[in-house]
Amino acid sequence: MNYDLEERTAKFGEAIIIFCKNLKQESINKPVINQIVRSATSIGANYCEANAASSKKDFRNKIFICKKEAQETKHWLRMMAQCEPNKKENLKKLWQECQELTLIFGKIVSKLKN
């Protein structure tokens, strides 16, 4: 089975962008939108950097950043649920995908430590 994590992280970032583009920006949700787009798209960007890493240590560090960005994104998704209570179903799906990415990157980090 061909499993493309680079494509999966890119699709997740795109899904976040599409979700946020469809929101009416207001004073409360605007900073959350900004944060969520930054952290969610950073997951894929850091994964691309990991794939071009110059050493095993560099690879591990970039994968750890992917995990941290995914965890941060879950936080912002939770905050967005408070800003946009009528969008909770969409947010739940995005959060679940982000949780899976967090677990995947966590597993990669733990395997690299061994």
PDB file of N, CA and C in Angstrom:
ATOM      1  N   MET A   1       0.842  -1.191   0.000  1.00  0.00           N
ATOM      2  CA  MET A   1       0.000   0.000   0.000  1.00  0.00           C
ATOM      3  C   MET A   1       0.882   1.248   0.000  1.00  0.00           C
ATOM      4  N   ASN A   2       0.603   2.164  -0.903  1.00  0.00           N
ATOM      5  CA  ASN A   2       1.361   3.403  -0.975  1.00  0.00           C
ATOM      6  C   ASN A   2       0.693   4.431  -0.068  1.00  0.00           C
ATOM      7  N   TYR A   3       1.390   4.818   0.978  1.00  0.00           N
ATOM      8  CA  TYR A   3       0.843   5.752   1.957  1.00  0.00           C
ATOM      9  C   TYR A   3       1.622   7.052   1.863  1.00  0.00           C
ATOM     10  N   ASP A   4       0.988   8.121   1.437  1.00  0.00           N
ATOM     11  CA  ASP A   4       1.661   9.387   1.185  1.00  0.00           C
ATOM     12  C   ASP A   4       1.304  10.405   2.268  1.00  0.00           C
ATOM     13  N   LEU A   5       2.148  10.486   3.272  1.00  0.00           N
ATOM     14  CA  LEU A   5       1.910  11.406   4.384  1.00  0.00           C
ATOM     15  C   LEU A   5       2.069  12.859   3.934  1.00  0.00           C
ATOM     16  N   GLU A   6       2.936  13.097   2.975  1.00  0.00           N
ATOM     17  CA  GLU A   6       3.109  14.457   2.455  1.00  0.00           C
ATOM     18  C   GLU A   6       1.799  14.951   1.840  1.00  0.00           C
ATOM     19  N   GLU A   7       1.156  14.085   1.062  1.00  0.00           N
ATOM     20  CA  GLU A   7      -0.130  14.434   0.447  1.00  0.00           C
ATOM     21  C   GLU A   7      -1.220  14.599   1.515  1.00  0.00           C
ATOM     22  N   ARG A   8      -1.210  13.730   2.499  1.00  0.00           N
ATOM     23  CA  ARG A   8      -2.227  13.798   3.563  1.00  0.00           C
ATOM     24  C   ARG A   8      -2.112  15.096   4.356  1.00  0.00           C
ATOM     25  N   THR A   9      -0.887  15.495   4.689  1.00  0.00           N
ATOM     26  CA  THR A   9      -0.716  16.743   5.444  1.00  0.00           C
ATOM     27  C   THR A   9      -1.092  17.947   4.579  1.00  0.00           C
ATOM     28  N   ALA A  10      -0.807  17.881   3.280  1.00  0.00           N
ATOM     29  CA  ALA A  10      -1.183  18.973   2.366  1.00  0.00           C
ATOM     30  C   ALA A  10      -2.709  19.073   2.273  1.00  0.00           C
ATOM     31  N   LYS A  11      -3.372  17.932   2.146  1.00  0.00           N
ATOM     32  CA  LYS A  11      -4.843  17.928   2.054  1.00  0.00           C
ATOM     33  C   LYS A  11      -5.470  18.469   3.343  1.00  0.00           C
ATOM     34  N   PHE A  12      -4.858  18.153   4.488  1.00  0.00           N
ATOM     35  CA  PHE A  12      -5.366  18.675   5.752  1.00  0.00           C
ATOM     36  C   PHE A  12      -5.231  20.199   5.781  1.00  0.00           C
ATOM     37  N   GLY A  13      -4.080  20.714   5.398  1.00  0.00           N
ATOM     38  CA  GLY A  13      -3.888  22.163   5.341  1.00  0.00           C
ATOM     39  C   GLY A  13      -4.886  22.830   4.416  1.00  0.00           C
ATOM     40  N   GLU A  14      -5.119  22.206   3.263  1.00  0.00           N
ATOM     41  CA  GLU A  14      -6.099  22.744   2.309  1.00  0.00           C
ATOM     42  C   GLU A  14      -7.504  22.733   2.895  1.00  0.00           C
ATOM     43  N   ALA A  15      -7.849  21.675   3.599  1.00  0.00           N
ATOM     44  CA  ALA A  15      -9.186  21.581   4.219  1.00  0.00           C
ATOM     45  C   ALA A  15      -9.375  22.698   5.252  1.00  0.00           C
ATOM     46  N   ILE A  16      -8.326  23.001   6.005  1.00  0.00           N
ATOM     47  CA  ILE A  16      -8.391  24.086   6.987  1.00  0.00           C
ATOM     48  C   ILE A  16      -8.574  25.422   6.274  1.00  0.00           C
ATOM     49  N   ILE A  17      -7.815  25.648   5.197  1.00  0.00           N
ATOM     50  CA  ILE A  17      -7.925  26.902   4.443  1.00  0.00           C
ATOM     51  C   ILE A  17      -9.344  27.065   3.896  1.00  0.00           C
ATOM     52  N   ILE A  18      -9.880  26.015   3.292  1.00  0.00           N
ATOM     53  CA  ILE A  18     -11.241  26.068   2.739  1.00  0.00           C
ATOM     54  C   ILE A  18     -12.253  26.362   3.848  1.00  0.00           C
ATOM     55  N   PHE A  19     -12.111  25.664   4.972  1.00  0.00           N
ATOM     56  CA  PHE A  19     -13.020  25.893   6.102  1.00  0.00           C
ATOM     57  C   PHE A  19     -12.972  27.356   6.537  1.00  0.00           C
ATOM     58  N   CYS A  20     -11.770  27.883   6.720  1.00  0.00           N
ATOM     59  CA  CYS A  20     -11.609  29.249   7.235  1.00  0.00           C
ATOM     60  C   CYS A  20     -12.044  30.308   6.222  1.00  0.00           C
ATOM     61  N   LYS A  21     -11.849  30.033   4.926  1.00  0.00           N
ATOM     62  CA  LYS A  21     -12.274  30.986   3.894  1.00  0.00           C
ATOM     63  C   LYS A  21     -13.778  31.176   3.899  1.00  0.00           C
ATOM     64  N   ASN A  22     -14.505  30.163   4.329  1.00  0.00           N
ATOM     65  CA  ASN A  22     -15.963  30.224   4.336  1.00  0.00           C
ATOM     66  C   ASN A  22     -16.545  30.831   5.605  1.00  0.00           C
ATOM     67  N   LEU A  23     -15.687  31.266   6.519  1.00  0.00           N
ATOM     68  CA  LEU A  23     -16.163  31.890   7.750  1.00  0.00           C
ATOM     69  C   LEU A  23     -16.278  33.405   7.571  1.00  0.00           C
ATOM     70  N   LYS A  24     -17.252  33.983   8.209  1.00  0.00           N
ATOM     71  CA  LYS A  24     -17.348  35.438   8.251  1.00  0.00           C
ATOM     72  C   LYS A  24     -16.364  35.907   9.319  1.00  0.00           C
ATOM     73  N   GLN A  25     -15.392  36.697   8.925  1.00  0.00           N
ATOM     74  CA  GLN A  25     -14.375  37.135   9.885  1.00  0.00           C
ATOM     75  C   GLN A  25     -14.917  38.258  10.754  1.00  0.00           C
ATOM     76  N   GLU A  26     -14.804  38.018  12.059  1.00  0.00           N
ATOM     77  CA  GLU A  26     -15.238  38.991  13.064  1.00  0.00           C
ATOM     78  C   GLU A  26     -14.101  39.199  14.051  1.00  0.00           C
ATOM     79  N   SER A  27     -14.243  40.157  14.928  1.00  0.00           N
ATOM     80  CA  SER A  27     -13.142  40.485  15.850  1.00  0.00           C
ATOM     81  C   SER A  27     -12.736  39.311  16.736  1.00  0.00           C
ATOM     82  N   ILE A  28     -13.666  38.462  17.096  1.00  0.00           N
ATOM     83  CA  ILE A  28     -13.356  37.321  17.966  1.00  0.00           C
ATOM     84  C   ILE A  28     -12.695  36.191  17.196  1.00  0.00           C
ATOM     85  N   ASN A  29     -13.206  35.841  16.036  1.00  0.00           N
ATOM     86  CA  ASN A  29     -12.669  34.664  15.352  1.00  0.00           C
ATOM     87  C   ASN A  29     -11.470  34.961  14.454  1.00  0.00           C
ATOM     88  N   LYS A  30     -11.245  36.224  14.099  1.00  0.00           N
ATOM     89  CA  LYS A  30     -10.150  36.560  13.181  1.00  0.00           C
ATOM     90  C   LYS A  30      -8.773  36.107  13.694  1.00  0.00           C
ATOM     91  N   PRO A  31      -8.415  36.379  14.962  1.00  0.00           N
ATOM     92  CA  PRO A  31      -7.114  35.895  15.439  1.00  0.00           C
ATOM     93  C   PRO A  31      -7.031  34.362  15.481  1.00  0.00           C
ATOM     94  N   VAL A  32      -8.147  33.705  15.761  1.00  0.00           N
ATOM     95  CA  VAL A  32      -8.171  32.237  15.806  1.00  0.00           C
ATOM     96  C   VAL A  32      -7.992  31.680  14.394  1.00  0.00           C
ATOM     97  N   ILE A  33      -8.651  32.299  13.416  1.00  0.00           N
ATOM     98  CA  ILE A  33      -8.490  31.886  12.020  1.00  0.00           C
ATOM     99  C   ILE A  33      -7.018  31.992  11.620  1.00  0.00           C
ATOM    100  N   ASN A  34      -6.408  33.114  11.957  1.00  0.00           N
ATOM    101  CA  ASN A  34      -5.000  33.343  11.632  1.00  0.00           C
ATOM    102  C   ASN A  34      -4.115  32.250  12.230  1.00  0.00           C
ATOM    103  N   GLN A  35      -4.320  31.955  13.496  1.00  0.00           N
ATOM    104  CA  GLN A  35      -3.509  30.952  14.198  1.00  0.00           C
ATOM    105  C   GLN A  35      -3.729  29.552  13.627  1.00  0.00           C
ATOM    106  N   ILE A  36      -4.974  29.219  13.381  1.00  0.00           N
ATOM    107  CA  ILE A  36      -5.285  27.861  12.924  1.00  0.00           C
ATOM    108  C   ILE A  36      -4.716  27.615  11.525  1.00  0.00           C
ATOM    109  N   VAL A  37      -4.793  28.611  10.658  1.00  0.00           N
ATOM    110  CA  VAL A  37      -4.237  28.458   9.308  1.00  0.00           C
ATOM    111  C   VAL A  37      -2.720  28.305   9.389  1.00  0.00           C
ATOM    112  N   ARG A  38      -2.090  29.097  10.245  1.00  0.00           N
ATOM    113  CA  ARG A  38      -0.629  29.024  10.374  1.00  0.00           C
ATOM    114  C   ARG A  38      -0.169  27.664  10.893  1.00  0.00           C
ATOM    115  N   SER A  39      -0.782  27.204  11.974  1.00  0.00           N
ATOM    116  CA  SER A  39      -0.322  25.936  12.567  1.00  0.00           C
ATOM    117  C   SER A  39      -0.686  24.741  11.684  1.00  0.00           C
ATOM    118  N   ALA A  40      -1.867  24.749  11.090  1.00  0.00           N
ATOM    119  CA  ALA A  40      -2.311  23.602  10.276  1.00  0.00           C
ATOM    120  C   ALA A  40      -1.482  23.461   9.006  1.00  0.00           C
ATOM    121  N   THR A  41      -1.170  24.577   8.356  1.00  0.00           N
ATOM    122  CA  THR A  41      -0.382  24.495   7.128  1.00  0.00           C
ATOM    123  C   THR A  41       1.090  24.241   7.428  1.00  0.00           C
ATOM    124  N   SER A  42       1.511  24.571   8.621  1.00  0.00           N
ATOM    125  CA  SER A  42       2.899  24.334   9.033  1.00  0.00           C
ATOM    126  C   SER A  42       3.208  22.842   9.185  1.00  0.00           C
ATOM    127  N   ILE A  43       2.197  22.042   9.467  1.00  0.00           N
ATOM    128  CA  ILE A  43       2.407  20.590   9.614  1.00  0.00           C
ATOM    129  C   ILE A  43       3.000  20.027   8.326  1.00  0.00           C
ATOM    130  N   GLY A  44       2.347  20.301   7.212  1.00  0.00           N
ATOM    131  CA  GLY A  44       2.815  19.803   5.926  1.00  0.00           C
ATOM    132  C   GLY A  44       4.138  20.403   5.498  1.00  0.00           C
ATOM    133  N   ALA A  45       4.307  21.700   5.759  1.00  0.00           N
ATOM    134  CA  ALA A  45       5.560  22.366   5.391  1.00  0.00           C
ATOM    135  C   ALA A  45       6.738  21.742   6.133  1.00  0.00           C
ATOM    136  N   ASN A  46       6.567  21.479   7.411  1.00  0.00           N
ATOM    137  CA  ASN A  46       7.643  20.862   8.191  1.00  0.00           C
ATOM    138  C   ASN A  46       7.880  19.418   7.790  1.00  0.00           C
ATOM    139  N   TYR A  47       6.820  18.727   7.360  1.00  0.00           N
ATOM    140  CA  TYR A  47       7.011  17.365   6.887  1.00  0.00           C
ATOM    141  C   TYR A  47       7.825  17.358   5.592  1.00  0.00           C
ATOM    142  N   CYS A  48       7.563  18.305   4.710  1.00  0.00           N
ATOM    143  CA  CYS A  48       8.375  18.427   3.491  1.00  0.00           C
ATOM    144  C   CYS A  48       9.838  18.681   3.852  1.00  0.00           C
ATOM    145  N   GLU A  49      10.054  19.549   4.839  1.00  0.00           N
ATOM    146  CA  GLU A  49      11.422  19.825   5.295  1.00  0.00           C
ATOM    147  C   GLU A  49      12.056  18.574   5.890  1.00  0.00           C
ATOM    148  N   ALA A  50      11.284  17.800   6.619  1.00  0.00           N
ATOM    149  CA  ALA A  50      11.809  16.564   7.210  1.00  0.00           C
ATOM    150  C   ALA A  50      12.287  15.619   6.124  1.00  0.00           C
ATOM    151  N   ASN A  51      11.520  15.529   5.038  1.00  0.00           N
ATOM    152  CA  ASN A  51      11.888  14.635   3.940  1.00  0.00           C
ATOM    153  C   ASN A  51      13.154  15.074   3.218  1.00  0.00           C
ATOM    154  N   ALA A  52      13.523  16.334   3.399  1.00  0.00           N
ATOM    155  CA  ALA A  52      14.759  16.849   2.789  1.00  0.00           C
ATOM    156  C   ALA A  52      15.840  17.062   3.847  1.00  0.00           C
ATOM    157  N   ALA A  53      15.673  16.439   4.993  1.00  0.00           N
ATOM    158  CA  ALA A  53      16.589  16.647   6.116  1.00  0.00           C
ATOM    159  C   ALA A  53      18.010  16.209   5.770  1.00  0.00           C
ATOM    160  N   SER A  54      18.972  16.899   6.395  1.00  0.00           N
ATOM    161  CA  SER A  54      20.388  16.629   6.129  1.00  0.00           C
ATOM    162  C   SER A  54      20.961  15.529   7.013  1.00  0.00           C
ATOM    163  N   SER A  55      20.229  15.171   8.068  1.00  0.00           N
ATOM    164  CA  SER A  55      20.704  14.130   8.982  1.00  0.00           C
ATOM    165  C   SER A  55      19.511  13.504   9.698  1.00  0.00           C
ATOM    166  N   LYS A  56      19.767  12.399  10.394  1.00  0.00           N
ATOM    167  CA  LYS A  56      18.712  11.743  11.163  1.00  0.00           C
ATOM    168  C   LYS A  56      18.216  12.678  12.275  1.00  0.00           C
ATOM    169  N   LYS A  57      19.146  13.405  12.894  1.00  0.00           N
ATOM    170  CA  LYS A  57      18.780  14.345  13.961  1.00  0.00           C
ATOM    171  C   LYS A  57      17.888  15.457  13.404  1.00  0.00           C
ATOM    172  N   ASP A  58      18.258  15.998  12.242  1.00  0.00           N
ATOM    173  CA  ASP A  58      17.470  17.036  11.593  1.00  0.00           C
ATOM    174  C   ASP A  58      16.076  16.495  11.257  1.00  0.00           C
ATOM    175  N   PHE A  59      16.004  15.275  10.726  1.00  0.00           N
ATOM    176  CA  PHE A  59      14.728  14.635  10.406  1.00  0.00           C
ATOM    177  C   PHE A  59      13.861  14.516  11.659  1.00  0.00           C
ATOM    178  N   ARG A  60      14.448  14.003  12.750  1.00  0.00           N
ATOM    179  CA  ARG A  60      13.708  13.828  14.006  1.00  0.00           C
ATOM    180  C   ARG A  60      13.177  15.171  14.517  1.00  0.00           C
ATOM    181  N   ASN A  61      14.016  16.208  14.453  1.00  0.00           N
ATOM    182  CA  ASN A  61      13.590  17.528  14.925  1.00  0.00           C
ATOM    183  C   ASN A  61      12.411  18.058  14.115  1.00  0.00           C
ATOM    184  N   LYS A  62      12.459  17.887  12.805  1.00  0.00           N
ATOM    185  CA  LYS A  62      11.361  18.375  11.955  1.00  0.00           C
ATOM    186  C   LYS A  62      10.081  17.576  12.199  1.00  0.00           C
ATOM    187  N   ILE A  63      10.209  16.270  12.395  1.00  0.00           N
ATOM    188  CA  ILE A  63       9.034  15.439  12.683  1.00  0.00           C
ATOM    189  C   ILE A  63       8.432  15.844  14.034  1.00  0.00           C
ATOM    190  N   PHE A  64       9.289  16.154  14.999  1.00  0.00           N
ATOM    191  CA  PHE A  64       8.805  16.608  16.307  1.00  0.00           C
ATOM    192  C   PHE A  64       8.038  17.925  16.160  1.00  0.00           C
ATOM    193  N   ILE A  65       8.530  18.811  15.287  1.00  0.00           N
ATOM    194  CA  ILE A  65       7.820  20.072  15.031  1.00  0.00           C
ATOM    195  C   ILE A  65       6.457  19.778  14.397  1.00  0.00           C
ATOM    196  N   CYS A  66       6.395  18.814  13.486  1.00  0.00           N
ATOM    197  CA  CYS A  66       5.108  18.410  12.890  1.00  0.00           C
ATOM    198  C   CYS A  66       4.121  18.018  13.992  1.00  0.00           C
ATOM    199  N   LYS A  67       4.601  17.231  14.934  1.00  0.00           N
ATOM    200  CA  LYS A  67       3.740  16.786  16.037  1.00  0.00           C
ATOM    201  C   LYS A  67       3.287  17.985  16.874  1.00  0.00           C
ATOM    202  N   LYS A  68       4.209  18.881  17.182  1.00  0.00           N
ATOM    203  CA  LYS A  68       3.863  20.070  17.978  1.00  0.00           C
ATOM    204  C   LYS A  68       2.848  20.956  17.259  1.00  0.00           C
ATOM    205  N   GLU A  69       3.038  21.142  15.962  1.00  0.00           N
ATOM    206  CA  GLU A  69       2.099  21.961  15.182  1.00  0.00           C
ATOM    207  C   GLU A  69       0.724  21.306  15.129  1.00  0.00           C
ATOM    208  N   ALA A  70       0.684  19.994  15.024  1.00  0.00           N
ATOM    209  CA  ALA A  70      -0.598  19.279  15.019  1.00  0.00           C
ATOM    210  C   ALA A  70      -1.301  19.451  16.365  1.00  0.00           C
ATOM    211  N   GLN A  71      -0.530  19.353  17.459  1.00  0.00           N
ATOM    212  CA  GLN A  71      -1.128  19.546  18.784  1.00  0.00           C
ATOM    213  C   GLN A  71      -1.661  20.970  18.935  1.00  0.00           C
ATOM    214  N   GLU A  72      -0.891  21.936  18.434  1.00  0.00           N
ATOM    215  CA  GLU A  72      -1.342  23.331  18.501  1.00  0.00           C
ATOM    216  C   GLU A  72      -2.619  23.520  17.680  1.00  0.00           C
ATOM    217  N   THR A  73      -2.671  22.905  16.517  1.00  0.00           N
ATOM    218  CA  THR A  73      -3.843  23.018  15.649  1.00  0.00           C
ATOM    219  C   THR A  73      -5.087  22.472  16.348  1.00  0.00           C
ATOM    220  N   LYS A  74      -4.933  21.369  17.081  1.00  0.00           N
ATOM    221  CA  LYS A  74      -6.081  20.818  17.823  1.00  0.00           C
ATOM    222  C   LYS A  74      -6.595  21.842  18.835  1.00  0.00           C
ATOM    223  N   HIS A  75      -5.682  22.550  19.481  1.00  0.00           N
ATOM    224  CA  HIS A  75      -6.079  23.598  20.435  1.00  0.00           C
ATOM    225  C   HIS A  75      -6.898  24.679  19.732  1.00  0.00           C
ATOM    226  N   TRP A  76      -6.397  25.148  18.581  1.00  0.00           N
ATOM    227  CA  TRP A  76      -7.106  26.210  17.862  1.00  0.00           C
ATOM    228  C   TRP A  76      -8.444  25.732  17.317  1.00  0.00           C
ATOM    229  N   LEU A  77      -8.516  24.470  16.919  1.00  0.00           N
ATOM    230  CA  LEU A  77      -9.809  23.924  16.484  1.00  0.00           C
ATOM    231  C   LEU A  77     -10.816  23.949  17.629  1.00  0.00           C
ATOM    232  N   ARG A  78     -10.346  23.640  18.827  1.00  0.00           N
ATOM    233  CA  ARG A  78     -11.225  23.694  20.005  1.00  0.00           C
ATOM    234  C   ARG A  78     -11.699  25.126  20.260  1.00  0.00           C
ATOM    235  N   MET A  79     -10.784  26.089  20.134  1.00  0.00           N
ATOM    236  CA  MET A  79     -11.166  27.486  20.330  1.00  0.00           C
ATOM    237  C   MET A  79     -12.155  27.937  19.248  1.00  0.00           C
ATOM    238  N   MET A  80     -11.928  27.459  18.019  1.00  0.00           N
ATOM    239  CA  MET A  80     -12.822  27.816  16.922  1.00  0.00           C
ATOM    240  C   MET A  80     -14.229  27.289  17.162  1.00  0.00           C
ATOM    241  N   ALA A  81     -14.339  26.150  17.825  1.00  0.00           N
ATOM    242  CA  ALA A  81     -15.662  25.598  18.146  1.00  0.00           C
ATOM    243  C   ALA A  81     -16.439  26.551  19.052  1.00  0.00           C
ATOM    244  N   GLN A  82     -15.735  27.330  19.859  1.00  0.00           N
ATOM    245  CA  GLN A  82     -16.403  28.324  20.700  1.00  0.00           C
ATOM    246  C   GLN A  82     -16.792  29.559  19.889  1.00  0.00           C
ATOM    247  N   CYS A  83     -15.950  29.906  18.923  1.00  0.00           N
ATOM    248  CA  CYS A  83     -16.245  31.058  18.060  1.00  0.00           C
ATOM    249  C   CYS A  83     -17.381  30.761  17.093  1.00  0.00           C
ATOM    250  N   GLU A  84     -17.429  29.510  16.631  1.00  0.00           N
ATOM    251  CA  GLU A  84     -18.371  29.098  15.581  1.00  0.00           C
ATOM    252  C   GLU A  84     -19.146  27.847  16.016  1.00  0.00           C
ATOM    253  N   PRO A  85     -20.022  27.978  17.014  1.00  0.00           N
ATOM    254  CA  PRO A  85     -20.721  26.792  17.523  1.00  0.00           C
ATOM    255  C   PRO A  85     -21.561  26.062  16.471  1.00  0.00           C
ATOM    256  N   ASN A  86     -21.994  26.766  15.440  1.00  0.00           N
ATOM    257  CA  ASN A  86     -22.797  26.126  14.385  1.00  0.00           C
ATOM    258  C   ASN A  86     -21.936  25.309  13.413  1.00  0.00           C
ATOM    259  N   LYS A  87     -20.633  25.339  13.568  1.00  0.00           N
ATOM    260  CA  LYS A  87     -19.713  24.599  12.684  1.00  0.00           C
ATOM    261  C   LYS A  87     -19.047  23.421  13.412  1.00  0.00           C
ATOM    262  N   LYS A  88     -19.596  23.036  14.552  1.00  0.00           N
ATOM    263  CA  LYS A  88     -18.938  22.007  15.371  1.00  0.00           C
ATOM    264  C   LYS A  88     -18.749  20.671  14.661  1.00  0.00           C
ATOM    265  N   GLU A  89     -19.680  20.269  13.811  1.00  0.00           N
ATOM    266  CA  GLU A  89     -19.537  18.984  13.110  1.00  0.00           C
ATOM    267  C   GLU A  89     -18.331  18.996  12.176  1.00  0.00           C
ATOM    268  N   ASN A  90     -18.190  20.065  11.402  1.00  0.00           N
ATOM    269  CA  ASN A  90     -17.022  20.205  10.515  1.00  0.00           C
ATOM    270  C   ASN A  90     -15.737  20.250  11.329  1.00  0.00           C
ATOM    271  N   LEU A  91     -15.774  21.003  12.407  1.00  0.00           N
ATOM    272  CA  LEU A  91     -14.586  21.138  13.260  1.00  0.00           C
ATOM    273  C   LEU A  91     -14.204  19.804  13.892  1.00  0.00           C
ATOM    274  N   LYS A  92     -15.201  19.011  14.258  1.00  0.00           N
ATOM    275  CA  LYS A  92     -14.929  17.701  14.851  1.00  0.00           C
ATOM    276  C   LYS A  92     -14.188  16.806  13.856  1.00  0.00           C
ATOM    277  N   LYS A  93     -14.598  16.827  12.590  1.00  0.00           N
ATOM    278  CA  LYS A  93     -13.922  16.027  11.557  1.00  0.00           C
ATOM    279  C   LYS A  93     -12.483  16.498  11.354  1.00  0.00           C
ATOM    280  N   LEU A  94     -12.297  17.803  11.310  1.00  0.00           N
ATOM    281  CA  LEU A  94     -10.946  18.349  11.165  1.00  0.00           C
ATOM    282  C   LEU A  94     -10.089  17.975  12.378  1.00  0.00           C
ATOM    283  N   TRP A  95     -10.684  18.068  13.573  1.00  0.00           N
ATOM    284  CA  TRP A  95      -9.950  17.722  14.799  1.00  0.00           C
ATOM    285  C   TRP A  95      -9.542  16.245  14.775  1.00  0.00           C
ATOM    286  N   GLN A  96     -10.440  15.382  14.325  1.00  0.00           N
ATOM    287  CA  GLN A  96     -10.133  13.943  14.279  1.00  0.00           C
ATOM    288  C   GLN A  96      -8.974  13.649  13.330  1.00  0.00           C
ATOM    289  N   GLU A  97      -8.962  14.299  12.173  1.00  0.00           N
ATOM    290  CA  GLU A  97      -7.849  14.115  11.239  1.00  0.00           C
ATOM    291  C   GLU A  97      -6.550  14.639  11.862  1.00  0.00           C
ATOM    292  N   CYS A  98      -6.645  15.764  12.537  1.00  0.00           N
ATOM    293  CA  CYS A  98      -5.472  16.337  13.195  1.00  0.00           C
ATOM    294  C   CYS A  98      -4.967  15.428  14.318  1.00  0.00           C
ATOM    295  N   GLN A  99      -5.882  14.811  15.031  1.00  0.00           N
ATOM    296  CA  GLN A  99      -5.510  13.860  16.084  1.00  0.00           C
ATOM    297  C   GLN A  99      -4.770  12.668  15.482  1.00  0.00           C
ATOM    298  N   GLU A 100      -5.250  12.163  14.345  1.00  0.00           N
ATOM    299  CA  GLU A 100      -4.559  11.048  13.685  1.00  0.00           C
ATOM    300  C   GLU A 100      -3.153  11.458  13.263  1.00  0.00           C
ATOM    301  N   LEU A 101      -3.019  12.668  12.725  1.00  0.00           N
ATOM    302  CA  LEU A 101      -1.687  13.157  12.336  1.00  0.00           C
ATOM    303  C   LEU A 101      -0.778  13.276  13.563  1.00  0.00           C
ATOM    304  N   THR A 102      -1.331  13.763  14.663  1.00  0.00           N
ATOM    305  CA  THR A 102      -0.557  13.871  15.911  1.00  0.00           C
ATOM    306  C   THR A 102      -0.038  12.501  16.334  1.00  0.00           C
ATOM    307  N   LEU A 103      -0.911  11.495  16.278  1.00  0.00           N
ATOM    308  CA  LEU A 103      -0.524  10.135  16.676  1.00  0.00           C
ATOM    309  C   LEU A 103       0.523   9.556  15.724  1.00  0.00           C
ATOM    310  N   ILE A 104       0.368   9.813  14.426  1.00  0.00           N
ATOM    311  CA  ILE A 104       1.337   9.320  13.437  1.00  0.00           C
ATOM    312  C   ILE A 104       2.709   9.935  13.699  1.00  0.00           C
ATOM    313  N   PHE A 105       2.752  11.245  13.869  1.00  0.00           N
ATOM    314  CA  PHE A 105       4.048  11.898  14.104  1.00  0.00           C
ATOM    315  C   PHE A 105       4.631  11.501  15.457  1.00  0.00           C
ATOM    316  N   GLY A 106       3.769  11.299  16.436  1.00  0.00           N
ATOM    317  CA  GLY A 106       4.242  10.824  17.744  1.00  0.00           C
ATOM    318  C   GLY A 106       4.882   9.449  17.639  1.00  0.00           C
ATOM    319  N   LYS A 107       4.273   8.585  16.828  1.00  0.00           N
ATOM    320  CA  LYS A 107       4.814   7.229  16.633  1.00  0.00           C
ATOM    321  C   LYS A 107       6.168   7.281  15.914  1.00  0.00           C
ATOM    322  N   ILE A 108       6.273   8.152  14.912  1.00  0.00           N
ATOM    323  CA  ILE A 108       7.542   8.287  14.189  1.00  0.00           C
ATOM    324  C   ILE A 108       8.627   8.784  15.141  1.00  0.00           C
ATOM    325  N   VAL A 109       8.312   9.793  15.954  1.00  0.00           N
ATOM    326  CA  VAL A 109       9.289  10.337  16.920  1.00  0.00           C
ATOM    327  C   VAL A 109       9.723   9.245  17.884  1.00  0.00           C
ATOM    328  N   SER A 110       8.777   8.470  18.415  1.00  0.00           N
ATOM    329  CA  SER A 110       9.136   7.440  19.394  1.00  0.00           C
ATOM    330  C   SER A 110       9.981   6.334  18.758  1.00  0.00           C
ATOM    331  N   LYS A 111       9.708   5.987  17.504  1.00  0.00           N
ATOM    332  CA  LYS A 111      10.518   4.975  16.813  1.00  0.00           C
ATOM    333  C   LYS A 111      11.925   5.473  16.555  1.00  0.00           C
ATOM    334  N   LEU A 112      12.070   6.777  16.289  1.00  0.00           N
ATOM    335  CA  LEU A 112      13.384   7.343  16.028  1.00  0.00           C
ATOM    336  C   LEU A 112      14.242   7.407  17.295  1.00  0.00           C
ATOM    337  N   LYS A 113      13.594   7.466  18.451  1.00  0.00           N
ATOM    338  CA  LYS A 113      14.336   7.493  19.719  1.00  0.00           C
ATOM    339  C   LYS A 113      14.956   6.141  20.025  1.00  0.00           C
ATOM    340  N   ASN A 114      14.349   5.072  19.508  1.00  0.00           N
ATOM    341  CA  ASN A 114      14.840   3.717  19.787  1.00  0.00           C
ATOM    342  C   ASN A 114      15.997   3.329  18.881  1.00  0.00           C
TER     343      ASN A 114
END
